PDB file of all heavy atoms in Angstrom:
ATOM      1  N   LYS A   1       0.859  -1.181   0.000  1.00  0.00           N
ATOM      2  CA  LYS A   1       0.000   0.000   0.000  1.00  0.00           C
ATOM      3  C   LYS A   1       0.893   1.227   0.000  1.00  0.00           C
ATOM      4  O   LYS A   1       1.775   1.357   0.848  1.00  0.00           O
ATOM      5  CB  LYS A   1      -0.901   0.007   1.230  1.00  0.00           C
ATOM      6  CG  LYS A   1      -1.824   1.222   1.305  1.00  0.00           C
ATOM      7  CD  LYS A   1      -2.696   1.176   2.554  1.00  0.00           C
ATOM      8  CE  LYS A   1      -3.606   2.400   2.631  1.00  0.00           C
ATOM      9  NZ  LYS A   1      -4.436   2.388   3.874  1.00  0.00           N
ATOM     10  N   ASP A   2       0.706   2.118  -0.952  1.00  0.00           N
ATOM     11  CA  ASP A   2       1.510   3.329  -1.023  1.00  0.00           C
ATOM     12  C   ASP A   2       0.990   4.350  -0.017  1.00  0.00           C
ATOM     13  O   ASP A   2      -0.179   4.737  -0.066  1.00  0.00           O
ATOM     14  CB  ASP A   2       1.466   3.922  -2.433  1.00  0.00           C
ATOM     15  CG  ASP A   2       2.210   3.063  -3.434  1.00  0.00           C
ATOM     16  OD1 ASP A   2       3.162   2.365  -3.022  1.00  0.00           O
ATOM     17  OD2 ASP A   2       1.840   3.074  -4.624  1.00  0.00           O
ATOM     18  N   GLU A   3       1.881   4.773   0.887  1.00  0.00           N
ATOM     19  CA  GLU A   3       1.501   5.749   1.906  1.00  0.00           C
ATOM     20  C   GLU A   3       2.579   6.826   2.003  1.00  0.00           C
ATOM     21  O   GLU A   3       3.755   6.568   1.783  1.00  0.00           O
ATOM     22  CB  GLU A   3       1.315   5.071   3.263  1.00  0.00           C
ATOM     23  CG  GLU A   3       0.230   3.997   3.258  1.00  0.00           C
ATOM     24  CD  GLU A   3      -0.201   3.609   4.657  1.00  0.00           C
ATOM     25  OE1 GLU A   3      -0.736   4.486   5.368  1.00  0.00           O
ATOM     26  OE2 GLU A   3      -0.004   2.440   5.030  1.00  0.00           O
ATOM     27  N   ILE A   4       2.157   8.035   2.349  1.00  0.00           N
ATOM     28  CA  ILE A   4       3.106   9.128   2.511  1.00  0.00           C
ATOM     29  C   ILE A   4       3.631   9.111   3.948  1.00  0.00           C
ATOM     30  O   ILE A   4       2.988   8.582   4.860  1.00  0.00           O
ATOM     31  CB  ILE A   4       2.461  10.484   2.178  1.00  0.00           C
ATOM     32  CG1 ILE A   4       1.311  10.804   3.139  1.00  0.00           C
ATOM     33  CG2 ILE A   4       1.986  10.515   0.727  1.00  0.00           C
ATOM     34  CD1 ILE A   4       0.739  12.210   2.938  1.00  0.00           C
ATOM     35  N   PRO A   5       4.812   9.675   4.166  1.00  0.00           N
ATOM     36  CA  PRO A   5       5.386   9.672   5.517  1.00  0.00           C
ATOM     37  C   PRO A   5       4.449  10.273   6.563  1.00  0.00           C
ATOM     38  O   PRO A   5       4.396   9.781   7.704  1.00  0.00           O
ATOM     39  CB  PRO A   5       6.660  10.506   5.360  1.00  0.00           C
ATOM     40  CG  PRO A   5       7.063  10.279   3.941  1.00  0.00           C
ATOM     41  CD  PRO A   5       5.781  10.215   3.169  1.00  0.00           C
ATOM     42  N   GLU A   6       3.715  11.309   6.201  1.00  0.00           N
ATOM     43  CA  GLU A   6       2.796  11.937   7.156  1.00  0.00           C
ATOM     44  C   GLU A   6       1.700  10.980   7.601  1.00  0.00           C
ATOM     45  O   GLU A   6       1.288  10.983   8.772  1.00  0.00           O
ATOM     46  CB  GLU A   6       2.208  13.206   6.546  1.00  0.00           C
ATOM     47  CG  GLU A   6       3.188  14.366   6.417  1.00  0.00           C
ATOM     48  CD  GLU A   6       4.156  14.232   5.255  1.00  0.00           C
ATOM     49  OE1 GLU A   6       3.995  13.288   4.427  1.00  0.00           O
ATOM     50  OE2 GLU A   6       5.084  15.055   5.162  1.00  0.00           O
ATOM     51  N   GLN A   7       1.216  10.145   6.681  1.00  0.00           N
ATOM     52  CA  GLN A   7       0.203   9.154   7.047  1.00  0.00           C
ATOM     53  C   GLN A   7       0.763   8.138   8.036  1.00  0.00           C
ATOM     54  O   GLN A   7       0.093   7.747   8.997  1.00  0.00           O
ATOM     55  CB  GLN A   7      -0.298   8.421   5.801  1.00  0.00           C
ATOM     56  CG  GLN A   7      -1.226   9.208   4.906  1.00  0.00           C
ATOM     57  CD  GLN A   7      -1.577   8.433   3.659  1.00  0.00           C
ATOM     58  OE1 GLN A   7      -0.693   7.975   2.928  1.00  0.00           O
ATOM     59  NE2 GLN A   7      -2.863   8.259   3.411  1.00  0.00           N
ATOM     60  N   LEU A   8       1.974   7.704   7.793  1.00  0.00           N
ATOM     61  CA  LEU A   8       2.588   6.713   8.665  1.00  0.00           C
ATOM     62  C   LEU A   8       2.864   7.286  10.049  1.00  0.00           C
ATOM     63  O   LEU A   8       2.648   6.609  11.061  1.00  0.00           O
ATOM     64  CB  LEU A   8       3.874   6.195   8.028  1.00  0.00           C
ATOM     65  CG  LEU A   8       3.677   5.423   6.717  1.00  0.00           C
ATOM     66  CD1 LEU A   8       5.016   5.121   6.067  1.00  0.00           C
ATOM     67  CD2 LEU A   8       2.893   4.141   6.971  1.00  0.00           C
ATOM     68  N   ALA A   9       3.314   8.533  10.109  1.00  0.00           N
ATOM     69  CA  ALA A   9       3.544   9.163  11.405  1.00  0.00           C
ATOM     70  C   ALA A   9       2.234   9.320  12.174  1.00  0.00           C
ATOM     71  O   ALA A   9       2.192   9.127  13.391  1.00  0.00           O
ATOM     72  CB  ALA A   9       4.223  10.521  11.215  1.00  0.00           C
ATOM     73  N   ALA A  10       1.159   9.652  11.454  1.00  0.00           N
ATOM     74  CA  ALA A  10      -0.148   9.787  12.105  1.00  0.00           C
ATOM     75  C   ALA A  10      -0.621   8.445  12.644  1.00  0.00           C
ATOM     76  O   ALA A  10      -1.198   8.369  13.743  1.00  0.00           O
ATOM     77  CB  ALA A  10      -1.164  10.363  11.120  1.00  0.00           C
ATOM     78  N   TRP A  11      -0.383   7.370  11.894  1.00  0.00           N
ATOM     79  CA  TRP A  11      -0.780   6.036  12.365  1.00  0.00           C
ATOM     80  C   TRP A  11      -0.010   5.663  13.630  1.00  0.00           C
ATOM     81  O   TRP A  11      -0.599   5.146  14.584  1.00  0.00           O
ATOM     82  CB  TRP A  11      -0.526   4.998  11.278  1.00  0.00           C
ATOM     83  CG  TRP A  11      -0.758   3.602  11.773  1.00  0.00           C
ATOM     84  CD1 TRP A  11      -1.957   2.994  12.008  1.00  0.00           C
ATOM     85  CD2 TRP A  11       0.253   2.658  12.171  1.00  0.00           C
ATOM     86  NE1 TRP A  11      -1.752   1.724  12.508  1.00  0.00           N
ATOM     87  CE2 TRP A  11      -0.420   1.503  12.616  1.00  0.00           C
ATOM     88  CE3 TRP A  11       1.644   2.693  12.176  1.00  0.00           C
ATOM     89  CZ2 TRP A  11       0.274   0.380  13.061  1.00  0.00           C
ATOM     90  CZ3 TRP A  11       2.329   1.570  12.618  1.00  0.00           C
ATOM     91  CH2 TRP A  11       1.652   0.437  13.064  1.00  0.00           C
ATOM     92  N   VAL A  12       1.299   5.922  13.639  1.00  0.00           N
ATOM     93  CA  VAL A  12       2.097   5.631  14.835  1.00  0.00           C
ATOM     94  C   VAL A  12       1.543   6.392  16.035  1.00  0.00           C
ATOM     95  O   VAL A  12       1.416   5.843  17.135  1.00  0.00           O
ATOM     96  CB  VAL A  12       3.574   5.986  14.593  1.00  0.00           C
ATOM     97  CG1 VAL A  12       4.353   5.951  15.915  1.00  0.00           C
ATOM     98  CG2 VAL A  12       4.200   5.033  13.593  1.00  0.00           C
ATOM     99  N   ARG A  13       1.183   7.646  15.825  1.00  0.00           N
ATOM    100  CA  ARG A  13       0.617   8.449  16.912  1.00  0.00           C
ATOM    101  C   ARG A  13      -0.653   7.799  17.470  1.00  0.00           C
ATOM    102  O   ARG A  13      -0.869   7.766  18.680  1.00  0.00           O
ATOM    103  CB  ARG A  13       0.323   9.860  16.391  1.00  0.00           C
ATOM    104  CG  ARG A  13      -0.045  10.883  17.469  1.00  0.00           C
ATOM    105  CD  ARG A  13      -0.385  12.222  16.829  1.00  0.00           C
ATOM    106  NE  ARG A  13       0.614  12.631  15.848  1.00  0.00           N
ATOM    107  CZ  ARG A  13       0.329  12.922  14.578  1.00  0.00           C
ATOM    108  NH1 ARG A  13      -0.913  12.874  14.133  1.00  0.00           N
ATOM    109  NH2 ARG A  13       1.299  13.284  13.748  1.00  0.00           N
ATOM    110  N   GLN A  14      -1.466   7.263  16.599  1.00  0.00           N
ATOM    111  CA  GLN A  14      -2.729   6.650  17.016  1.00  0.00           C
ATOM    112  C   GLN A  14      -2.529   5.348  17.786  1.00  0.00           C
ATOM    113  O   GLN A  14      -3.384   4.958  18.577  1.00  0.00           O
ATOM    114  CB  GLN A  14      -3.612   6.395  15.798  1.00  0.00           C
ATOM    115  CG  GLN A  14      -4.111   7.661  15.110  1.00  0.00           C
ATOM    116  CD  GLN A  14      -4.725   7.385  13.750  1.00  0.00           C
ATOM    117  OE1 GLN A  14      -4.860   6.228  13.336  1.00  0.00           O
ATOM    118  NE2 GLN A  14      -5.091   8.440  13.046  1.00  0.00           N
ATOM    119  N   THR A  15      -1.406   4.670  17.565  1.00  0.00           N
ATOM    120  CA  THR A  15      -1.190   3.398  18.263  1.00  0.00           C
ATOM    121  C   THR A  15      -0.972   3.582  19.757  1.00  0.00           C
ATOM    122  O   THR A  15      -1.227   2.668  20.549  1.00  0.00           O
ATOM    123  CB  THR A  15       0.030   2.656  17.689  1.00  0.00           C
ATOM    124  OG1 THR A  15       1.234   3.403  17.976  1.00  0.00           O
ATOM    125  CG2 THR A  15      -0.112   2.433  16.195  1.00  0.00           C
ATOM    126  N   GLY A  16      -0.447   4.740  20.158  1.00  0.00           N
ATOM    127  CA  GLY A  16      -0.227   4.988  21.579  1.00  0.00           C
ATOM    128  C   GLY A  16       0.957   4.263  22.174  1.00  0.00           C
ATOM    129  O   GLY A  16       1.057   4.140  23.402  1.00  0.00           O
ATOM    130  N   VAL A  17       1.908   3.769  21.332  1.00  0.00           N
ATOM    131  CA  VAL A  17       3.095   3.092  21.859  1.00  0.00           C
ATOM    132  C   VAL A  17       4.322   3.979  21.657  1.00  0.00           C
ATOM    133  O   VAL A  17       4.319   4.890  20.831  1.00  0.00           O
ATOM    134  CB  VAL A  17       3.313   1.717  21.188  1.00  0.00           C
ATOM    135  CG1 VAL A  17       2.132   0.803  21.443  1.00  0.00           C
ATOM    136  CG2 VAL A  17       3.560   1.876  19.699  1.00  0.00           C
ATOM    137  N   GLU A  18       5.370   3.697  22.419  1.00  0.00           N
ATOM    138  CA  GLU A  18       6.575   4.527  22.380  1.00  0.00           C
ATOM    139  C   GLU A  18       7.652   3.991  21.444  1.00  0.00           C
ATOM    140  O   GLU A  18       8.497   4.753  20.981  1.00  0.00           O
ATOM    141  CB  GLU A  18       7.171   4.666  23.784  1.00  0.00           C
ATOM    142  CG  GLU A  18       6.368   5.562  24.699  1.00  0.00           C
ATOM    143  CD  GLU A  18       7.103   5.864  25.987  1.00  0.00           C
ATOM    144  OE1 GLU A  18       7.987   5.069  26.379  1.00  0.00           O
ATOM    145  OE2 GLU A  18       6.805   6.893  26.608  1.00  0.00           O
ATOM    146  N   CYS A  19       7.642   2.683  21.176  1.00  0.00           N
ATOM    147  CA  CYS A  19       8.667   2.080  20.327  1.00  0.00           C
ATOM    148  C   CYS A  19       8.135   1.929  18.898  1.00  0.00           C
ATOM    149  O   CYS A  19       7.001   1.490  18.696  1.00  0.00           O
ATOM    150  CB  CYS A  19       9.082   0.715  20.857  1.00  0.00           C
ATOM    151  SG  CYS A  19       9.895   0.766  22.471  1.00  0.00           S
ATOM    152  N   VAL A  20       8.966   2.299  17.937  1.00  0.00           N
ATOM    153  CA  VAL A  20       8.615   2.163  16.527  1.00  0.00           C
ATOM    154  C   VAL A  20       9.733   1.392  15.840  1.00  0.00           C
ATOM    155  O   VAL A  20      10.914   1.730  16.004  1.00  0.00           O
ATOM    156  CB  VAL A  20       8.450   3.534  15.843  1.00  0.00           C
ATOM    157  CG1 VAL A  20       8.008   3.359  14.395  1.00  0.00           C
ATOM    158  CG2 VAL A  20       7.471   4.407  16.602  1.00  0.00           C
ATOM    159  N   THR A  21       9.373   0.363  15.081  1.00  0.00           N
ATOM    160  CA  THR A  21      10.357  -0.424  14.347  1.00  0.00           C
ATOM    161  C   THR A  21      10.084  -0.303  12.860  1.00  0.00           C
ATOM    162  O   THR A  21       8.998  -0.654  12.394  1.00  0.00           O
ATOM    163  CB  THR A  21      10.312  -1.905  14.771  1.00  0.00           C
ATOM    164  OG1 THR A  21      10.604  -2.007  16.166  1.00  0.00           O
ATOM    165  CG2 THR A  21      11.339  -2.716  13.996  1.00  0.00           C
ATOM    166  N   LEU A  22      11.072   0.197  12.129  1.00  0.00           N
ATOM    167  CA  LEU A  22      10.991   0.321  10.676  1.00  0.00           C
ATOM    168  C   LEU A  22      11.800  -0.818  10.089  1.00  0.00           C
ATOM    169  O   LEU A  22      13.006  -0.940  10.338  1.00  0.00           O
ATOM    170  CB  LEU A  22      11.547   1.672  10.230  1.00  0.00           C
ATOM    171  CG  LEU A  22      10.919   2.893  10.910  1.00  0.00           C
ATOM    172  CD1 LEU A  22      11.601   4.177  10.454  1.00  0.00           C
ATOM    173  CD2 LEU A  22       9.426   2.960  10.655  1.00  0.00           C
ATOM    174  N   THR A  23      11.141  -1.683   9.316  1.00  0.00           N
ATOM    175  CA  THR A  23      11.771  -2.916   8.898  1.00  0.00           C
ATOM    176  C   THR A  23      11.396  -3.236   7.464  1.00  0.00           C
ATOM    177  O   THR A  23      10.823  -2.434   6.757  1.00  0.00           O
ATOM    178  CB  THR A  23      11.399  -4.055   9.883  1.00  0.00           C
ATOM    179  OG1 THR A  23      12.143  -5.227   9.577  1.00  0.00           O
ATOM    180  CG2 THR A  23       9.908  -4.354   9.882  1.00  0.00           C
ATOM    181  N   GLY A  24      11.707  -4.434   7.026  1.00  0.00           N
ATOM    182  CA  GLY A  24      11.415  -4.820   5.652  1.00  0.00           C
ATOM    183  C   GLY A  24      11.481  -6.318   5.502  1.00  0.00           C
ATOM    184  O   GLY A  24      11.195  -7.049   6.457  1.00  0.00           O
ATOM    185  N   GLY A  25      11.970  -6.705   4.356  1.00  0.00           N
ATOM    186  CA  GLY A  25      12.692  -5.922   3.372  1.00  0.00           C
ATOM    187  C   GLY A  25      13.875  -5.174   3.959  1.00  0.00           C
ATOM    188  O   GLY A  25      14.389  -5.499   5.005  1.00  0.00           O
ATOM    189  N   GLU A  26      14.254  -4.146   3.209  1.00  0.00           N
ATOM    190  CA  GLU A  26      15.338  -3.282   3.642  1.00  0.00           C
ATOM    191  C   GLU A  26      14.864  -1.832   3.641  1.00  0.00           C
ATOM    192  O   GLU A  26      14.813  -1.184   2.591  1.00  0.00           O
ATOM    193  CB  GLU A  26      16.552  -3.453   2.727  1.00  0.00           C
ATOM    194  CG  GLU A  26      17.703  -2.531   3.056  1.00  0.00           C
ATOM    195  CD  GLU A  26      17.986  -2.448   4.548  1.00  0.00           C
ATOM    196  OE1 GLU A  26      18.308  -3.493   5.153  1.00  0.00           O
ATOM    197  OE2 GLU A  26      17.866  -1.342   5.116  1.00  0.00           O
ATOM    198  N   PRO A  27      14.509  -1.298   4.812  1.00  0.00           N
ATOM    199  CA  PRO A  27      13.935   0.045   4.871  1.00  0.00           C
ATOM    200  C   PRO A  27      14.881   1.156   4.432  1.00  0.00           C
ATOM    201  O   PRO A  27      14.437   2.181   3.921  1.00  0.00           O
ATOM    202  CB  PRO A  27      13.546   0.200   6.344  1.00  0.00           C
ATOM    203  CG  PRO A  27      14.426  -0.752   7.074  1.00  0.00           C
ATOM    204  CD  PRO A  27      14.594  -1.921   6.152  1.00  0.00           C
ATOM    205  N   VAL A  28      16.195   0.960   4.624  1.00  0.00           N
ATOM    206  CA  VAL A  28      17.144   2.030   4.312  1.00  0.00           C
ATOM    207  C   VAL A  28      17.157   2.355   2.819  1.00  0.00           C
ATOM    208  O   VAL A  28      17.537   3.457   2.416  1.00  0.00           O
ATOM    209  CB  VAL A  28      18.549   1.648   4.813  1.00  0.00           C
ATOM    210  CG1 VAL A  28      19.611   2.647   4.381  1.00  0.00           C
ATOM    211  CG2 VAL A  28      18.536   1.537   6.339  1.00  0.00           C
ATOM    212  N   LEU A  29      16.706   1.445   1.976  1.00  0.00           N
ATOM    213  CA  LEU A  29      16.675   1.688   0.539  1.00  0.00           C
ATOM    214  C   LEU A  29      15.500   2.569   0.113  1.00  0.00           C
ATOM    215  O   LEU A  29      15.437   2.975  -1.049  1.00  0.00           O
ATOM    216  CB  LEU A  29      16.605   0.361  -0.211  1.00  0.00           C
ATOM    217  CG  LEU A  29      17.802  -0.575  -0.009  1.00  0.00           C
ATOM    218  CD1 LEU A  29      17.587  -1.866  -0.774  1.00  0.00           C
ATOM    219  CD2 LEU A  29      19.104   0.092  -0.429  1.00  0.00           C
ATOM    220  N   GLN A  30      14.589   2.875   1.031  1.00  0.00           N
ATOM    221  CA  GLN A  30      13.449   3.723   0.690  1.00  0.00           C
ATOM    222  C   GLN A  30      13.891   5.190   0.641  1.00  0.00           C
ATOM    223  O   GLN A  30      14.375   5.734   1.633  1.00  0.00           O
ATOM    224  CB  GLN A  30      12.325   3.550   1.722  1.00  0.00           C
ATOM    225  CG  GLN A  30      11.767   2.139   1.800  1.00  0.00           C
ATOM    226  CD  GLN A  30      11.178   1.687   0.481  1.00  0.00           C
ATOM    227  OE1 GLN A  30      10.657   2.497  -0.297  1.00  0.00           O
ATOM    228  NE2 GLN A  30      11.254   0.395   0.222  1.00  0.00           N
ATOM    229  N   PRO A  31      13.718   5.867  -0.500  1.00  0.00           N
ATOM    230  CA  PRO A  31      14.184   7.255  -0.624  1.00  0.00           C
ATOM    231  C   PRO A  31      13.576   8.207   0.402  1.00  0.00           C
ATOM    232  O   PRO A  31      14.208   9.193   0.781  1.00  0.00           O
ATOM    233  CB  PRO A  31      13.757   7.640  -2.045  1.00  0.00           C
ATOM    234  CG  PRO A  31      13.668   6.351  -2.788  1.00  0.00           C
ATOM    235  CD  PRO A  31      13.173   5.354  -1.781  1.00  0.00           C
ATOM    236  N   LEU A  32      12.358   7.929   0.858  1.00  0.00           N
ATOM    237  CA  LEU A  32      11.680   8.846   1.769  1.00  0.00           C
ATOM    238  C   LEU A  32      11.864   8.467   3.239  1.00  0.00           C
ATOM    239  O   LEU A  32      11.256   9.086   4.112  1.00  0.00           O
ATOM    240  CB  LEU A  32      10.186   8.904   1.454  1.00  0.00           C
ATOM    241  CG  LEU A  32       9.834   9.482   0.077  1.00  0.00           C
ATOM    242  CD1 LEU A  32       8.332   9.432  -0.161  1.00  0.00           C
ATOM    243  CD2 LEU A  32      10.335  10.899  -0.066  1.00  0.00           C
ATOM    244  N   LEU A  33      12.714   7.493   3.512  1.00  0.00           N
ATOM    245  CA  LEU A  33      12.892   7.087   4.908  1.00  0.00           C
ATOM    246  C   LEU A  33      13.406   8.220   5.790  1.00  0.00           C
ATOM    247  O   LEU A  33      12.905   8.397   6.910  1.00  0.00           O
ATOM    248  CB  LEU A  33      13.828   5.881   5.000  1.00  0.00           C
ATOM    249  CG  LEU A  33      13.903   5.264   6.399  1.00  0.00           C
ATOM    250  CD1 LEU A  33      12.592   4.602   6.790  1.00  0.00           C
ATOM    251  CD2 LEU A  33      15.049   4.261   6.495  1.00  0.00           C
ATOM    252  N   PRO A  34      14.389   9.026   5.366  1.00  0.00           N
ATOM    253  CA  PRO A  34      14.836  10.132   6.237  1.00  0.00           C
ATOM    254  C   PRO A  34      13.693  11.077   6.612  1.00  0.00           C
ATOM    255  O   PRO A  34      13.645  11.558   7.754  1.00  0.00           O
ATOM    256  CB  PRO A  34      15.903  10.832   5.392  1.00  0.00           C
ATOM    257  CG  PRO A  34      16.444   9.762   4.512  1.00  0.00           C
ATOM    258  CD  PRO A  34      15.246   8.917   4.163  1.00  0.00           C
ATOM    259  N   ARG A  35      12.791  11.351   5.681  1.00  0.00           N
ATOM    260  CA  ARG A  35      11.644  12.218   5.979  1.00  0.00           C
ATOM    261  C   ARG A  35      10.751  11.587   7.044  1.00  0.00           C
ATOM    262  O   ARG A  35      10.335  12.255   8.002  1.00  0.00           O
ATOM    263  CB  ARG A  35      10.843  12.470   4.698  1.00  0.00           C
ATOM    264  CG  ARG A  35       9.495  13.157   4.899  1.00  0.00           C
ATOM    265  CD  ARG A  35       9.644  14.530   5.522  1.00  0.00           C
ATOM    266  NE  ARG A  35       8.355  15.196   5.668  1.00  0.00           N
ATOM    267  CZ  ARG A  35       8.142  16.238   6.470  1.00  0.00           C
ATOM    268  NH1 ARG A  35       9.140  16.714   7.209  1.00  0.00           N
ATOM    269  NH2 ARG A  35       6.959  16.800   6.554  1.00  0.00           N
ATOM    270  N   LEU A  36      10.479  10.293   6.906  1.00  0.00           N
ATOM    271  CA  LEU A  36       9.656   9.609   7.901  1.00  0.00           C
ATOM    272  C   LEU A  36      10.338   9.615   9.262  1.00  0.00           C
ATOM    273  O   LEU A  36       9.698   9.884  10.294  1.00  0.00           O
ATOM    274  CB  LEU A  36       9.382   8.171   7.458  1.00  0.00           C
ATOM    275  CG  LEU A  36       8.636   7.293   8.467  1.00  0.00           C
ATOM    276  CD1 LEU A  36       7.275   7.875   8.818  1.00  0.00           C
ATOM    277  CD2 LEU A  36       8.504   5.867   7.943  1.00  0.00           C
ATOM    278  N   VAL A  37      11.626   9.324   9.295  1.00  0.00           N
ATOM    279  CA  VAL A  37      12.362   9.298  10.565  1.00  0.00           C
ATOM    280  C   VAL A  37      12.306  10.663  11.240  1.00  0.00           C
ATOM    281  O   VAL A  37      12.078  10.759  12.455  1.00  0.00           O
ATOM    282  CB  VAL A  37      13.814   8.864  10.321  1.00  0.00           C
ATOM    283  CG1 VAL A  37      14.667   9.113  11.571  1.00  0.00           C
ATOM    284  CG2 VAL A  37      13.873   7.398   9.930  1.00  0.00           C
ATOM    285  N   GLU A  38      12.483  11.723  10.471  1.00  0.00           N
ATOM    286  CA  GLU A  38      12.462  13.059  11.048  1.00  0.00           C
ATOM    287  C   GLU A  38      11.089  13.379  11.648  1.00  0.00           C
ATOM    288  O   GLU A  38      10.997  13.967  12.733  1.00  0.00           O
ATOM    289  CB  GLU A  38      12.826  14.089   9.982  1.00  0.00           C
ATOM    290  CG  GLU A  38      13.263  15.424  10.535  1.00  0.00           C
ATOM    291  CD  GLU A  38      14.066  16.246   9.547  1.00  0.00           C
ATOM    292  OE1 GLU A  38      14.232  15.816   8.388  1.00  0.00           O
ATOM    293  OE2 GLU A  38      14.527  17.332   9.960  1.00  0.00           O
TER     294      GLU A  38
END
């Protein structure tokens, strides 16, 4: 499912947890990963 970094950050906020794991596959190959991390 194609999602923008803002959507993913909003979903994390809704989960109410403190730990976030970005995985794959290989997440570092995603061009927009730095934006999501920030």
